[in-house]
Protein backbone atom coordinates (compact mmCIF):
# COMPACT_ATOMS: atom_id res chain seq x y z
CA ASN A 1 3.17 14.12 11.04
CA SER A 2 -0.20 13.03 9.67
CA GLY A 3 -3.02 14.97 8.11
CA VAL A 4 -5.12 15.65 5.03
CA SER A 5 -3.47 17.29 2.02
CA SER A 6 -4.40 20.83 1.11
CA ASN A 7 -3.31 23.28 -1.55
CA ASP A 8 -1.89 25.67 1.05
CA ALA A 9 -0.18 23.69 3.81
CA ILE A 10 3.59 23.25 3.88
CA VAL A 11 4.40 19.82 5.27
CA LYS A 12 8.03 19.55 6.37
CA LYS A 13 9.92 16.49 5.14
CA MET A 14 7.03 15.25 2.98
CA ALA A 15 8.24 12.85 0.27
CA LYS A 16 7.46 14.10 -3.23
CA PRO A 17 5.25 11.61 -5.09
CA TYR A 18 6.07 10.30 -8.55
CA TRP A 19 4.10 8.19 -11.04
CA HIS A 20 4.44 6.66 -14.49
CA GLY A 21 1.85 8.91 -16.11
CA ASN A 22 -1.16 8.27 -18.29
CA PRO A 23 -0.47 6.71 -20.70
CA ARG A 24 2.07 4.79 -18.70
CA GLN A 25 5.68 5.81 -19.28
CA GLU A 26 8.76 3.77 -18.47
CA LYS A 27 10.38 6.47 -16.33
CA LEU A 28 8.82 8.03 -13.27
CA ILE A 29 7.63 11.62 -13.61
CA GLN A 30 6.41 14.24 -11.16
CA ASN A 31 2.82 13.93 -10.06
CA PRO A 32 0.24 16.18 -11.69
CA TYR A 33 -1.19 19.09 -9.76
CA ILE A 34 -4.07 17.96 -7.57
CA ASN A 35 -6.57 20.57 -6.45
CA TRP A 36 -7.37 19.34 -2.96
CA HIS A 37 -10.31 21.76 -2.67
CA TYR A 38 -12.24 19.42 -5.02
CA CYS A 39 -10.63 16.12 -4.07
CA LEU A 40 -11.61 15.96 -0.43
CA GLY A 41 -12.36 12.62 1.13
CA LEU A 42 -11.17 10.58 -1.83
CA ASP A 43 -7.47 10.48 -1.04
CA GLY A 44 -4.76 12.81 0.19
CA ILE A 45 -4.19 11.56 3.69
CA TYR A 46 -0.49 11.57 4.54
CA SER A 47 1.34 9.97 7.38
CA THR A 48 4.61 8.47 8.55
CA VAL A 49 5.52 4.97 9.62
CA GLU A 50 5.95 6.27 13.17
CA ASP A 51 2.44 7.72 13.24
CA MET A 52 1.00 4.55 11.75
CA TYR A 53 2.71 2.61 14.54
CA LEU A 54 0.95 4.87 17.03
CA TRP A 55 -2.36 4.30 15.20
CA ASN A 56 -1.80 0.57 15.52
CA LYS A 57 -0.92 0.89 19.19
CA TYR A 58 -3.96 3.00 20.10
CA LEU A 59 -6.40 1.06 17.93
CA PHE A 60 -5.36 -2.51 18.69
CA ASP A 61 -3.00 -2.78 21.64
CA GLY A 62 -5.32 -2.09 24.57
CA THR A 63 -5.18 1.71 24.67
CA THR A 64 -8.66 3.13 24.29
CA LEU A 65 -9.05 5.09 21.08
CA LEU A 66 -12.40 3.47 20.36
CA SER A 67 -14.81 1.61 22.57
CA GLU A 68 -15.00 -2.15 22.17
CA ALA A 69 -18.47 -1.72 20.67
CA SER A 70 -17.13 0.73 18.09
CA LYS A 71 -14.23 -1.58 17.24
CA LYS A 72 -16.61 -4.49 16.83
CA GLN A 73 -18.71 -2.39 14.45
CA MET A 74 -15.63 -1.19 12.51
CA PHE A 75 -14.11 -4.69 12.24
CA THR A 76 -17.29 -6.48 11.08
CA SER A 77 -17.58 -7.34 7.37
CA TYR A 78 -20.72 -5.86 5.83
CA ASN A 79 -20.53 -7.02 2.21
CA ASP A 80 -19.15 -9.70 -0.10
CA GLN A 81 -15.93 -7.72 -0.52
CA ASN A 82 -15.11 -8.16 3.20
CA MET A 83 -15.33 -4.44 3.97
CA GLY A 84 -15.86 -3.18 7.47
CA TYR A 85 -15.87 0.55 8.25
CA GLY A 86 -12.78 1.70 6.32
CA VAL A 87 -10.94 -1.62 6.58
CA PHE A 88 -10.85 -5.04 4.99
CA VAL A 89 -11.78 -7.86 7.33
CA ASN A 90 -10.16 -11.23 6.52
CA PRO A 91 -9.97 -10.80 2.74
CA TRP A 92 -8.60 -13.53 0.47
CA TYR A 93 -5.02 -12.33 1.01
CA SER A 94 -5.16 -12.67 4.80
CA HIS A 95 -3.06 -15.86 4.85
CA ASN A 96 -6.14 -17.42 6.49
CA ARG A 97 -5.45 -15.42 9.64
CA ASN A 98 -7.55 -13.04 11.73
CA PHE A 99 -6.75 -9.90 9.74
CA ILE A 100 -7.63 -6.21 9.47
CA GLY A 101 -6.08 -4.10 6.72
CA HIS A 102 -6.35 -1.40 4.16
CA ASP A 103 -4.61 -0.66 0.85
CA GLY A 104 -4.87 2.49 -1.20
CA GLY A 105 -3.16 4.92 -3.47
CA TYR A 106 -3.49 7.97 -5.64
CA TYR A 107 -1.16 9.30 -8.34
CA GLY A 108 2.07 7.58 -7.32
CA THR A 109 1.45 7.24 -3.60
CA VAL A 110 0.57 3.71 -2.55
CA THR A 111 0.07 2.45 0.98
CA SER A 112 -0.72 -0.83 2.59
CA LEU A 113 -1.22 -1.78 6.23
CA HIS A 114 -1.85 -5.28 7.51
CA LYS A 115 -2.65 -6.19 11.10
CA TYR A 116 -2.66 -9.86 12.11
CA LEU A 117 -4.65 -9.74 15.33
CA ASP A 118 -3.85 -13.12 16.88
CA GLU A 119 -0.12 -12.82 16.21
CA ASN A 120 -0.03 -9.06 17.01
CA ILE A 121 1.91 -8.42 13.80
CA PHE A 122 1.53 -4.99 12.14
CA ILE A 123 3.11 -4.31 8.76
CA ILE A 124 2.97 -0.99 6.90
CA VAL A 125 4.50 -0.06 3.55
CA LEU A 126 4.34 3.55 2.32
CA SER A 127 5.44 4.31 -1.25
CA ASN A 128 5.91 7.53 -3.17
CA ASN A 129 6.68 5.91 -6.54
CA GLU A 130 3.83 3.53 -7.43
CA SER A 131 5.61 0.55 -5.86
CA PRO A 132 3.24 -2.36 -5.32
CA ALA A 133 2.94 -1.74 -1.56
CA HIS A 134 0.19 -4.37 -1.23
CA LEU A 135 2.46 -7.07 -2.71
CA LEU A 136 5.39 -6.02 -0.55
CA THR A 137 3.22 -6.08 2.56
CA TYR A 138 1.82 -9.49 1.60
CA GLY A 139 5.37 -10.89 1.19
CA LEU A 140 6.65 -9.29 4.40
CA SER A 141 3.67 -10.67 6.30
CA ALA A 142 4.36 -14.19 4.97
CA ILE A 143 7.95 -13.89 6.23
CA ALA A 144 6.73 -12.64 9.65
CA LEU A 145 4.22 -15.49 9.86
CA GLY A 146 6.83 -18.10 8.90
CA LEU A 147 5.06 -18.96 5.64
CA PRO A 148 6.74 -19.80 2.33
CA VAL A 149 7.47 -16.82 0.11
CA GLU A 150 7.69 -17.04 -3.66
CA LEU A 151 10.69 -15.00 -4.70
CA PRO A 152 10.65 -12.95 -7.89
CA TYR A 153 12.03 -14.71 -10.93
CA GLU A 154 15.79 -14.83 -11.34
CA HIS A 155 17.37 -13.29 -14.45
CA ILE A 156 19.49 -15.82 -16.33
CA SER A 157 22.06 -14.65 -18.86
CA VAL A 158 21.79 -16.50 -22.17
CA GLU A 159 24.33 -16.39 -25.01
CA ILE A 160 22.73 -15.58 -28.39
CA ASP A 161 24.34 -15.98 -31.79
CA PRO A 162 24.68 -12.43 -33.20
CA LYS A 163 23.84 -13.78 -36.69
CA ILE A 164 20.14 -13.92 -35.75
CA TYR A 165 19.94 -10.19 -34.97
CA THR A 166 19.19 -9.40 -38.64
CA ASN A 167 15.98 -11.42 -38.32
CA TYR A 168 14.63 -8.74 -36.01
CA VAL A 169 15.66 -5.61 -37.93
CA GLY A 170 12.69 -3.51 -39.04
CA VAL A 171 10.41 -0.60 -38.29
CA TYR A 172 8.10 -1.26 -35.35
């Protein structure tokens, strides 16, 4: 259920991606055509939550997908942006925990995976509509770690005197 997008493959049950366009529109629209012959390596990897769970299991939970030496190399930060080989290593949003993760997206698809090594917590959010997967994953991880979570603002209904509406009439 995972692979690299191509122009020719038919992937059963693949969610259709949507985005807000450029310039940004209020409503979601269908993604533009992407010629995967020229966009190799940049993006286009697709997966399922179930396959990402298996990736987590084989990479972190004792099953040997990589040698310990390869994992140490992959999970070492090599620059000031806390990048290892294809993963972030304890970035600023790690809740000050031992953390490996990766976020990404391309034309409507947005993904985020966070692994908290000491707590053995793995959180993945996959989106096909430009949802802020990284923020959702950050909030879910705070809940799983027992940390405070700042809820989105609450809408409050306010009565307004209709007489003031004329103050805002015009051509904008």
